[in-house]
Amino acid sequence: MQKVFNVCYSGDGHYIFSGSDEGNIRIWKAFASESTKIKDKREIAKLNYLNGLKKKYKDMPEIRRIANHIHLPKELMHTKTIRDTMILSEKKKELNRKKHAKKERKTKKEKEENEE
């Protein structure tokens, strides 16, 4: 798919149609995790009940954490952890520099701020 020229919802709102410059129309599910099979009355009732519970308890920390969770692949999670550790180490080092520096001496960050 090169450029998307047009996007619209289906009449029932369950699908999204997209048209591209290569002349293809693609059909996407509006809710990716939702199944496309035909549901009976009990299934529909159960799903409505579960969605009602989610709405009712959406402000609870545990429910909010589960609802906002985004799965990251292992490699990305590893690089994110390393980057967070590096940033934390940098902040810690800067605090230690300020803590042990003489009062007249300015830290590296303060020098950069004064130059700008």
Protein backbone atom coordinates (compact mmCIF):
# COMPACT_ATOMS: atom_id res chain seq x y z
CA MET A 1 0.00 0.00 0.00
CA GLN A 2 1.55 3.28 -1.13
CA LYS A 3 -0.74 6.23 -0.48
CA VAL A 4 -4.18 5.99 1.10
CA PHE A 5 -6.66 8.20 -0.73
CA ASN A 6 -9.90 7.42 1.06
CA VAL A 7 -11.02 5.85 4.33
CA CYS A 8 -14.56 5.25 5.57
CA TYR A 9 -16.52 3.16 8.06
CA SER A 10 -19.06 0.53 7.08
CA GLY A 11 -22.71 1.20 7.85
CA ASP A 12 -22.67 -0.91 11.02
CA GLY A 13 -19.31 0.49 12.20
CA HIS A 14 -17.62 -2.91 12.45
CA TYR A 15 -15.29 -2.46 9.46
CA ILE A 16 -13.07 0.23 7.95
CA PHE A 17 -12.53 0.45 4.18
CA SER A 18 -9.40 2.06 2.76
CA GLY A 19 -8.58 2.82 -0.86
CA SER A 20 -5.02 3.30 -2.08
CA ASP A 21 -3.25 4.48 -5.24
CA GLU A 22 -2.56 0.90 -6.32
CA GLY A 23 -6.29 0.41 -6.93
CA ASN A 24 -6.98 -1.95 -4.03
CA ILE A 25 -9.69 -1.64 -1.41
CA ARG A 26 -8.72 -3.09 1.93
CA ILE A 27 -11.17 -4.11 4.63
CA TRP A 28 -10.05 -3.77 8.27
CA LYS A 29 -11.85 -4.69 11.47
CA ALA A 30 -12.68 -1.56 13.49
CA PHE A 31 -11.90 -3.44 16.72
CA ALA A 32 -8.98 -5.75 15.96
CA SER A 33 -9.49 -8.06 18.94
CA GLU A 34 -13.19 -8.60 18.24
CA SER A 35 -14.09 -11.87 16.50
CA THR A 36 -16.04 -11.88 13.23
CA LYS A 37 -18.06 -15.04 13.89
CA ILE A 38 -21.81 -14.96 14.44
CA LYS A 39 -22.66 -14.67 18.13
CA ASP A 40 -25.70 -16.17 19.83
CA LYS A 41 -27.82 -14.33 22.43
CA ARG A 42 -25.91 -15.67 25.42
CA GLU A 43 -22.57 -14.59 23.95
CA ILE A 44 -23.88 -11.10 23.20
CA ALA A 45 -25.30 -10.83 26.73
CA LYS A 46 -21.99 -11.95 28.24
CA LEU A 47 -19.97 -9.47 26.15
CA ASN A 48 -22.36 -6.64 27.07
CA TYR A 49 -22.07 -7.58 30.76
CA LEU A 50 -18.25 -7.65 30.62
CA ASN A 51 -18.13 -4.30 28.80
CA GLY A 52 -20.47 -2.87 31.44
CA LEU A 53 -18.11 -4.06 34.18
CA LYS A 54 -15.16 -2.48 32.37
CA LYS A 55 -17.00 0.84 32.17
CA LYS A 56 -18.15 0.64 35.79
CA TYR A 57 -14.70 -0.05 37.24
CA LYS A 58 -12.59 1.86 34.70
CA ASP A 59 -11.16 4.13 37.42
CA MET A 60 -9.79 1.27 39.52
CA PRO A 61 -5.96 1.13 39.24
CA GLU A 62 -5.86 -2.60 38.39
CA ILE A 63 -8.46 -2.31 35.62
CA ARG A 64 -6.82 0.85 34.22
CA ARG A 65 -3.44 -0.91 34.15
CA ILE A 66 -4.87 -3.88 32.23
CA ALA A 67 -6.83 -1.67 29.82
CA ASN A 68 -3.85 0.57 29.03
CA HIS A 69 -1.33 -2.27 28.69
CA ILE A 70 0.52 -2.37 25.37
CA HIS A 71 2.57 -5.44 24.54
CA LEU A 72 6.13 -4.63 23.48
CA PRO A 73 8.31 -7.17 21.69
CA LYS A 74 11.19 -8.52 23.78
CA GLU A 75 13.87 -6.66 21.80
CA LEU A 76 12.11 -3.30 22.15
CA MET A 77 11.47 -3.90 25.85
CA HIS A 78 15.16 -4.69 26.36
CA THR A 79 16.33 -1.52 24.56
CA LYS A 80 13.77 0.55 26.51
CA THR A 81 15.10 -0.86 29.79
CA ILE A 82 18.68 -0.06 28.81
CA ARG A 83 17.73 3.48 27.73
CA ASP A 84 15.84 4.09 30.99
CA THR A 85 18.85 2.86 32.97
CA MET A 86 21.15 5.20 31.04
CA ILE A 87 18.89 8.20 31.64
CA LEU A 88 18.59 7.37 35.34
CA SER A 89 22.38 7.00 35.62
CA GLU A 90 22.89 10.35 33.90
CA LYS A 91 20.53 12.09 36.32
CA LYS A 92 22.17 10.39 39.30
CA LYS A 93 25.63 11.43 38.09
CA GLU A 94 24.51 15.04 37.65
CA LEU A 95 23.06 15.09 41.18
CA ASN A 96 26.32 13.68 42.58
CA ARG A 97 28.29 16.34 40.67
CA LYS A 98 26.15 19.08 42.19
CA LYS A 99 26.35 17.50 45.61
CA HIS A 100 30.15 17.26 45.67
CA ALA A 101 31.08 20.32 43.60
CA LYS A 102 32.50 23.47 45.12
CA LYS A 103 30.00 26.27 45.48
CA GLU A 104 31.68 28.51 42.87
CA ARG A 105 32.07 25.74 40.29
CA LYS A 106 29.19 25.26 37.88
CA THR A 107 28.11 21.87 36.61
CA LYS A 108 28.19 20.88 32.96
CA LYS A 109 24.45 21.49 32.48
CA GLU A 110 24.57 24.94 34.08
CA LYS A 111 27.47 25.92 31.80
CA GLU A 112 25.49 24.84 28.74
CA GLU A 113 22.44 26.81 29.90
CA ASN A 114 24.51 29.96 30.46
CA GLU A 115 26.08 29.73 26.98
CA GLU A 116 22.66 29.73 25.29
